[in-house]
């Protein structure tokens, strides 16, 4: 099943992505082979993930999360959405 995830990088920045194999993707990020962004900010840790029914749903969720400002992403990590 596809997943959308947020990583917390060593510099405390957040990275959002999607994958069909969460464990393999996290290992690739920490090996420095998954993303130029995370390669420069190792190590990374999984901060949040959400399973989706299909790839297109996961990609839409990733795009929406990437548009959020940092406080909204942090609220997502805490399990609640911020009100506008």
N, C-alpha and C. Protein backbone atom coordinates (compact mmCIF):
# COMPACT_ATOMS: atom_id res chain seq x y z
N UNK A 1 0.84 -1.19 0.00
CA UNK A 1 0.00 0.00 0.00
C UNK A 1 0.88 1.25 0.00
N UNK A 2 0.46 2.29 -0.66
CA UNK A 2 1.20 3.55 -0.67
C UNK A 2 1.12 4.29 0.66
N UNK A 3 2.16 4.99 0.96
CA UNK A 3 2.27 5.78 2.18
C UNK A 3 2.71 7.19 1.85
N UNK A 4 2.23 8.16 2.62
CA UNK A 4 2.76 9.51 2.64
C UNK A 4 3.47 9.64 3.97
N UNK A 5 4.62 10.31 3.96
CA UNK A 5 5.40 10.37 5.20
C UNK A 5 6.06 11.73 5.35
N UNK A 6 6.36 12.06 6.59
CA UNK A 6 7.16 13.24 6.92
C UNK A 6 8.38 12.75 7.68
N UNK A 7 9.53 13.24 7.27
CA UNK A 7 10.78 12.95 7.97
C UNK A 7 11.22 14.19 8.72
N UNK A 8 11.82 13.99 9.88
CA UNK A 8 12.48 15.07 10.59
C UNK A 8 13.96 14.90 10.34
N UNK A 9 14.57 15.90 9.74
CA UNK A 9 15.99 15.85 9.39
C UNK A 9 16.84 16.31 10.57
N UNK A 10 18.15 16.06 10.48
CA UNK A 10 19.08 16.42 11.55
C UNK A 10 19.08 17.92 11.84
N UNK A 11 18.78 18.75 10.83
CA UNK A 11 18.73 20.20 11.05
C UNK A 11 17.34 20.67 11.49
N UNK A 12 16.48 19.72 11.84
CA UNK A 12 15.10 19.95 12.32
C UNK A 12 14.15 20.39 11.21
N UNK A 13 14.58 20.31 9.97
CA UNK A 13 13.65 20.59 8.87
C UNK A 13 12.78 19.35 8.64
N UNK A 14 11.71 19.54 7.88
CA UNK A 14 10.78 18.45 7.59
C UNK A 14 10.81 18.16 6.09
N UNK A 15 10.73 16.89 5.75
CA UNK A 15 10.72 16.46 4.36
C UNK A 15 9.49 15.58 4.16
N UNK A 16 8.73 15.83 3.10
CA UNK A 16 7.54 15.05 2.81
C UNK A 16 7.75 14.24 1.54
N UNK A 17 7.28 13.01 1.55
CA UNK A 17 7.36 12.17 0.36
C UNK A 17 6.29 11.10 0.39
N UNK A 18 6.30 10.26 -0.64
CA UNK A 18 5.37 9.12 -0.67
C UNK A 18 6.14 7.91 -1.19
N UNK A 19 5.67 6.73 -0.83
CA UNK A 19 6.33 5.49 -1.23
C UNK A 19 5.37 4.33 -1.11
N UNK A 20 5.72 3.21 -1.70
CA UNK A 20 4.95 1.99 -1.50
C UNK A 20 5.64 1.06 -0.52
N UNK A 21 6.89 1.37 -0.12
CA UNK A 21 7.64 0.57 0.85
C UNK A 21 8.31 1.51 1.83
N UNK A 22 7.64 1.78 2.92
CA UNK A 22 8.08 2.78 3.88
C UNK A 22 9.43 2.43 4.51
N UNK A 23 9.63 1.19 4.91
CA UNK A 23 10.89 0.80 5.54
C UNK A 23 12.07 0.95 4.57
N UNK A 24 11.88 0.49 3.34
CA UNK A 24 12.95 0.60 2.34
C UNK A 24 13.26 2.06 2.02
N UNK A 25 12.22 2.88 1.92
CA UNK A 25 12.43 4.29 1.59
C UNK A 25 13.15 5.01 2.72
N UNK A 26 12.80 4.74 3.97
CA UNK A 26 13.48 5.35 5.11
C UNK A 26 14.96 4.94 5.12
N UNK A 27 15.23 3.68 4.85
CA UNK A 27 16.62 3.20 4.79
C UNK A 27 17.37 3.91 3.66
N UNK A 28 16.72 4.11 2.52
CA UNK A 28 17.36 4.80 1.39
C UNK A 28 17.66 6.25 1.74
N UNK A 29 16.73 6.91 2.44
CA UNK A 29 16.99 8.29 2.88
C UNK A 29 18.21 8.32 3.79
N UNK A 30 18.28 7.44 4.76
CA UNK A 30 19.40 7.45 5.70
C UNK A 30 20.70 6.98 5.07
N UNK A 31 20.62 6.27 3.95
CA UNK A 31 21.83 5.89 3.21
C UNK A 31 22.29 7.01 2.28
N UNK A 32 21.47 8.05 2.15
CA UNK A 32 21.81 9.18 1.30
C UNK A 32 21.52 8.97 -0.17
N UNK A 33 20.66 7.97 -0.48
CA UNK A 33 20.38 7.66 -1.88
C UNK A 33 18.96 7.99 -2.32
N UNK A 34 18.14 8.52 -1.46
CA UNK A 34 16.73 8.74 -1.80
C UNK A 34 16.44 10.17 -2.26
N UNK A 35 17.17 11.14 -1.76
CA UNK A 35 16.84 12.53 -2.04
C UNK A 35 18.06 13.41 -1.81
N UNK A 36 18.29 14.36 -2.71
CA UNK A 36 19.38 15.32 -2.48
C UNK A 36 19.13 16.15 -1.23
N UNK A 37 17.86 16.47 -0.99
CA UNK A 37 17.53 17.29 0.17
C UNK A 37 17.93 16.58 1.47
N UNK A 38 17.51 15.34 1.62
CA UNK A 38 17.80 14.63 2.87
C UNK A 38 19.26 14.18 2.95
N UNK A 39 19.92 13.98 1.83
CA UNK A 39 21.33 13.56 1.83
C UNK A 39 22.20 14.55 2.59
N UNK A 40 21.86 15.82 2.51
CA UNK A 40 22.64 16.86 3.18
C UNK A 40 22.19 17.10 4.61
N UNK A 41 21.18 16.38 5.07
CA UNK A 41 20.60 16.64 6.38
C UNK A 41 20.46 15.35 7.20
N UNK A 42 21.41 14.46 7.06
CA UNK A 42 21.35 13.17 7.75
C UNK A 42 21.80 13.31 9.20
N UNK A 43 21.31 12.43 10.06
CA UNK A 43 20.32 11.38 9.79
C UNK A 43 18.90 11.95 9.81
N UNK A 44 18.00 11.17 9.25
CA UNK A 44 16.59 11.53 9.27
C UNK A 44 15.83 10.47 10.06
N UNK A 45 14.69 10.89 10.61
CA UNK A 45 13.83 9.93 11.32
C UNK A 45 12.40 10.10 10.85
N UNK A 46 11.67 9.01 10.85
CA UNK A 46 10.27 9.05 10.46
C UNK A 46 9.49 9.76 11.56
N UNK A 47 8.83 10.85 11.19
CA UNK A 47 8.07 11.63 12.16
C UNK A 47 6.58 11.34 12.07
N UNK A 48 6.10 10.99 10.87
CA UNK A 48 4.67 10.79 10.66
C UNK A 48 4.48 10.01 9.37
N UNK A 49 3.47 9.17 9.33
CA UNK A 49 3.13 8.47 8.09
C UNK A 49 1.64 8.18 8.07
N UNK A 50 1.12 8.03 6.86
CA UNK A 50 -0.29 7.75 6.67
C UNK A 50 -0.45 6.84 5.46
N UNK A 51 -1.14 5.73 5.64
CA UNK A 51 -1.39 4.80 4.55
C UNK A 51 -2.52 5.32 3.67
N UNK A 52 -2.42 5.05 2.36
CA UNK A 52 -3.43 5.47 1.40
C UNK A 52 -3.87 4.28 0.56
N UNK A 53 -5.09 4.34 0.02
CA UNK A 53 -5.61 3.20 -0.72
C UNK A 53 -4.96 2.99 -2.10
N UNK A 54 -4.39 4.06 -2.68
CA UNK A 54 -3.76 3.93 -4.00
C UNK A 54 -2.71 5.02 -4.18
N UNK A 55 -1.91 4.86 -5.22
CA UNK A 55 -0.81 5.80 -5.46
C UNK A 55 -1.29 7.22 -5.72
N UNK A 56 -2.35 7.36 -6.48
CA UNK A 56 -2.80 8.71 -6.80
C UNK A 56 -3.28 9.45 -5.55
N UNK A 57 -3.91 8.75 -4.65
CA UNK A 57 -4.33 9.36 -3.38
C UNK A 57 -3.11 9.80 -2.57
N UNK A 58 -2.09 8.96 -2.53
CA UNK A 58 -0.86 9.29 -1.80
C UNK A 58 -0.17 10.49 -2.42
N UNK A 59 -0.12 10.55 -3.74
CA UNK A 59 0.53 11.66 -4.41
C UNK A 59 -0.23 12.97 -4.20
N UNK A 60 -1.55 12.89 -4.19
CA UNK A 60 -2.35 14.10 -3.91
C UNK A 60 -2.12 14.58 -2.47
N UNK A 61 -2.08 13.65 -1.53
CA UNK A 61 -1.85 14.02 -0.13
C UNK A 61 -0.46 14.62 0.04
N UNK A 62 0.54 14.04 -0.62
CA UNK A 62 1.90 14.59 -0.55
C UNK A 62 1.92 16.03 -1.07
N UNK A 63 1.29 16.27 -2.21
CA UNK A 63 1.26 17.61 -2.79
C UNK A 63 0.59 18.60 -1.85
N UNK A 64 -0.49 18.17 -1.21
CA UNK A 64 -1.20 19.06 -0.27
C UNK A 64 -0.34 19.37 0.95
N UNK A 65 0.35 18.36 1.46
CA UNK A 65 1.20 18.57 2.65
C UNK A 65 2.37 19.48 2.31
N UNK A 66 2.94 19.32 1.14
CA UNK A 66 4.07 20.17 0.75
C UNK A 66 3.68 21.63 0.65
N UNK A 67 2.41 21.91 0.43
CA UNK A 67 1.94 23.30 0.35
C UNK A 67 1.71 23.91 1.73
N UNK A 68 1.66 23.08 2.77
CA UNK A 68 1.43 23.59 4.12
C UNK A 68 2.64 24.35 4.63
N UNK A 69 2.38 25.32 5.49
CA UNK A 69 3.46 26.01 6.17
C UNK A 69 3.94 25.15 7.34
N UNK A 70 5.14 25.40 7.82
CA UNK A 70 5.74 24.58 8.87
C UNK A 70 4.84 24.41 10.10
N UNK A 71 4.19 25.47 10.62
CA UNK A 71 3.32 25.26 11.80
C UNK A 71 2.20 24.26 11.53
N UNK A 72 1.69 24.25 10.32
CA UNK A 72 0.63 23.30 9.98
C UNK A 72 1.18 21.88 9.88
N UNK A 73 2.39 21.74 9.37
CA UNK A 73 3.02 20.42 9.32
C UNK A 73 3.29 19.91 10.73
N UNK A 74 3.74 20.79 11.61
CA UNK A 74 3.98 20.39 13.00
C UNK A 74 2.68 19.98 13.69
N UNK A 75 1.60 20.68 13.37
CA UNK A 75 0.29 20.31 13.92
C UNK A 75 -0.11 18.93 13.42
N UNK A 76 0.18 18.63 12.18
CA UNK A 76 -0.10 17.32 11.61
C UNK A 76 0.68 16.25 12.39
N UNK A 77 1.92 16.54 12.73
CA UNK A 77 2.72 15.59 13.52
C UNK A 77 2.10 15.34 14.89
N UNK A 78 1.50 16.36 15.44
CA UNK A 78 0.87 16.23 16.76
C UNK A 78 -0.51 15.57 16.67
N UNK A 79 -0.97 15.32 15.44
CA UNK A 79 -2.22 14.62 15.27
C UNK A 79 -3.45 15.49 15.20
N UNK A 80 -3.24 16.77 14.93
CA UNK A 80 -4.40 17.64 14.77
C UNK A 80 -4.07 18.71 13.74
N UNK A 81 -5.05 19.07 13.00
CA UNK A 81 -4.89 20.12 11.99
C UNK A 81 -5.10 21.47 12.64
N UNK A 82 -4.33 22.45 12.22
CA UNK A 82 -4.51 23.81 12.72
C UNK A 82 -5.69 24.45 11.99
N UNK A 83 -6.41 25.27 12.70
CA UNK A 83 -7.51 25.99 12.04
C UNK A 83 -6.96 27.24 11.38
N UNK A 84 -7.59 27.65 10.31
CA UNK A 84 -7.10 28.81 9.56
C UNK A 84 -7.39 30.10 10.27
